[in-house]
Amino acid sequence: MPDDQSLDDLIELRRKKYETTKNIYCPFLKEIVYFNNKGFYHATHDGRGKIRIPQDARMRLNLLPCVNEVIARSSHYGSPPRVKAKGHPENRTGKEIVEYELSLRFNQHKEVSVILRRIGNGRLHYFSVRYTKKQNRP
């Protein structure tokens, strides 16, 4: 994707593609992952609903085409599942939230993480994508 493409054009291009994305089975979690508007919204807005800085939004939008492959091929967590209880400061839903980070290495320089989320007893849905954070491993 050319860097000189406007962010608005990139958003529109990715939105059209995202809207045609089908739900996908995740063999690692043994569940279907659903795609809803929250996943696309999170690519352009942070967790507080503020618009992301253009570089961050562009990075996430450019990683969207990798999401299905990470879900279909990942065989491990990028980090352990994270539970946000009802009273957690980052949880305004009134229900428990569980986030799963799946990670897949595409080559020596590119490892992508996809965040899947379940709110209460609801469906598992795609929530976010980013480059995998480097962790200090012993």
Protein backbone atom coordinates (compact mmCIF):
# COMPACT_ATOMS: atom_id res chain seq x y z
CA MET A 1 0.00 0.00 0.00
CA PRO A 2 1.61 3.30 -0.99
CA ASP A 3 2.43 5.62 1.92
CA ASP A 4 1.23 8.62 -0.08
CA GLN A 5 -2.36 7.31 -0.09
CA SER A 6 -4.48 9.49 2.19
CA LEU A 7 -5.58 8.00 5.49
CA ASP A 8 -9.21 8.65 4.56
CA ASP A 9 -8.78 6.68 1.31
CA LEU A 10 -7.11 3.83 3.19
CA ILE A 11 -9.93 3.77 5.76
CA GLU A 12 -12.54 3.61 3.01
CA LEU A 13 -10.66 0.86 1.14
CA ARG A 14 -10.20 -1.27 4.28
CA ARG A 15 -13.78 -0.65 5.46
CA LYS A 16 -15.19 -2.03 2.19
CA LYS A 17 -13.02 -5.14 2.49
CA TYR A 18 -13.77 -5.56 6.21
CA GLU A 19 -17.51 -5.41 5.61
CA THR A 20 -17.23 -8.42 3.30
CA THR A 21 -15.15 -10.44 5.81
CA LYS A 22 -16.79 -13.72 6.76
CA ASN A 23 -16.69 -15.28 10.20
CA ILE A 24 -13.79 -17.71 10.49
CA TYR A 25 -13.09 -20.84 12.51
CA CYS A 26 -10.09 -20.67 14.84
CA PRO A 27 -8.59 -24.17 15.21
CA PHE A 28 -6.44 -23.12 18.19
CA LEU A 29 -9.41 -21.91 20.26
CA LYS A 30 -11.84 -24.36 18.61
CA GLU A 31 -14.41 -21.60 18.05
CA ILE A 32 -15.83 -19.39 15.35
CA VAL A 33 -14.58 -15.82 15.42
CA TYR A 34 -17.13 -13.18 14.43
CA PHE A 35 -16.40 -9.83 12.82
CA ASN A 36 -18.43 -6.82 13.92
CA ASN A 37 -18.13 -3.04 13.77
CA LYS A 38 -16.11 -2.90 17.03
CA GLY A 39 -13.08 -4.48 15.35
CA PHE A 40 -12.92 -1.97 12.53
CA TYR A 41 -13.68 0.96 14.85
CA HIS A 42 -10.75 -0.07 17.07
CA ALA A 43 -8.37 0.17 14.09
CA THR A 44 -9.04 3.92 13.89
CA HIS A 45 -9.93 4.72 17.52
CA ASP A 46 -8.24 3.86 20.82
CA GLY A 47 -9.88 2.17 23.80
CA ARG A 48 -11.27 5.48 25.05
CA GLY A 49 -12.95 6.28 21.73
CA LYS A 50 -10.36 8.90 20.72
CA ILE A 51 -9.12 8.97 17.12
CA ARG A 52 -5.74 7.23 16.83
CA ILE A 53 -2.70 9.13 15.66
CA PRO A 54 -2.40 8.68 11.86
CA GLN A 55 0.71 6.44 12.00
CA ASP A 56 -0.94 4.02 14.43
CA ALA A 57 -4.22 3.92 12.49
CA ARG A 58 -2.35 3.37 9.21
CA MET A 59 -0.31 0.51 10.73
CA ARG A 60 -3.45 -1.25 12.03
CA LEU A 61 -5.36 -0.71 8.79
CA ASN A 62 -2.45 -2.12 6.78
CA LEU A 63 -2.37 -5.21 9.03
CA LEU A 64 -6.10 -5.96 8.59
CA PRO A 65 -5.44 -8.25 5.57
CA CYS A 66 -3.35 -10.49 7.90
CA VAL A 67 -6.11 -11.05 10.47
CA ASN A 68 -7.76 -14.13 8.92
CA GLU A 69 -4.43 -15.87 8.44
CA VAL A 70 -3.40 -15.26 12.06
CA ILE A 71 -6.73 -16.62 13.30
CA ALA A 72 -6.59 -19.67 11.01
CA ARG A 73 -2.91 -20.58 11.52
CA SER A 74 -1.91 -19.45 15.02
CA SER A 75 -1.05 -22.27 17.40
CA HIS A 76 -0.14 -20.25 20.50
CA TYR A 77 -1.02 -17.22 22.55
CA GLY A 78 1.06 -14.08 22.11
CA SER A 79 0.38 -13.49 25.80
CA PRO A 80 -1.85 -15.30 28.30
CA PRO A 81 -5.60 -14.62 28.11
CA ARG A 82 -6.50 -11.45 30.00
CA VAL A 83 -9.65 -11.10 32.09
CA LYS A 84 -11.15 -7.70 32.84
CA ALA A 85 -13.68 -8.07 35.65
CA LYS A 86 -16.91 -6.05 35.75
CA GLY A 87 -15.37 -3.35 37.96
CA HIS A 88 -12.07 -3.03 36.05
CA PRO A 89 -11.32 0.61 35.08
CA GLU A 90 -10.94 -0.36 31.38
CA ASN A 91 -14.25 -2.23 31.40
CA ARG A 92 -17.38 -0.12 30.99
CA THR A 93 -19.62 -2.95 29.74
CA GLY A 94 -20.89 -4.19 33.10
CA LYS A 95 -19.85 -7.71 32.08
CA GLU A 96 -16.62 -9.67 32.33
CA ILE A 97 -14.35 -9.29 29.28
CA VAL A 98 -11.83 -11.94 28.24
CA GLU A 99 -9.18 -11.04 25.65
CA TYR A 100 -7.13 -13.62 23.76
CA GLU A 101 -3.98 -12.58 21.90
CA LEU A 102 -3.02 -14.90 19.05
CA SER A 103 0.33 -14.43 17.37
CA LEU A 104 1.81 -15.58 14.08
CA ARG A 105 5.27 -14.99 12.66
CA PHE A 106 5.19 -14.24 8.93
CA ASN A 107 8.95 -13.89 8.50
CA GLN A 108 12.07 -12.95 10.44
CA HIS A 109 10.94 -9.34 10.79
CA LYS A 110 7.16 -9.54 10.96
CA GLU A 111 5.13 -11.10 13.77
CA VAL A 112 1.49 -10.07 13.99
CA SER A 113 -0.85 -10.32 16.99
CA VAL A 114 -4.63 -10.43 16.76
CA ILE A 115 -6.76 -9.69 19.81
CA LEU A 116 -10.01 -11.63 20.10
CA ARG A 117 -12.52 -10.68 22.75
CA ARG A 118 -15.57 -12.12 24.50
CA ILE A 119 -17.91 -9.90 26.50
CA GLY A 120 -19.85 -11.84 29.12
CA ASN A 121 -21.31 -14.99 27.56
CA GLY A 122 -21.32 -13.45 24.08
CA ARG A 123 -19.62 -14.59 20.91
CA LEU A 124 -15.87 -14.51 20.43
CA HIS A 125 -15.15 -11.58 18.13
CA TYR A 126 -12.20 -9.94 16.42
CA PHE A 127 -11.13 -6.79 18.27
CA SER A 128 -7.66 -5.62 17.24
CA VAL A 129 -4.47 -6.22 15.27
CA ARG A 130 -0.91 -4.97 15.77
CA TYR A 131 2.68 -6.02 15.47
CA THR A 132 3.58 -8.38 18.32
CA LYS A 133 5.27 -6.61 21.19
CA LYS A 134 8.73 -7.85 21.94
CA GLN A 135 8.90 -9.54 25.33
CA ASN A 136 12.00 -10.24 27.39
CA ARG A 137 12.18 -13.99 27.39
CA PRO A 138 14.72 -15.86 29.55
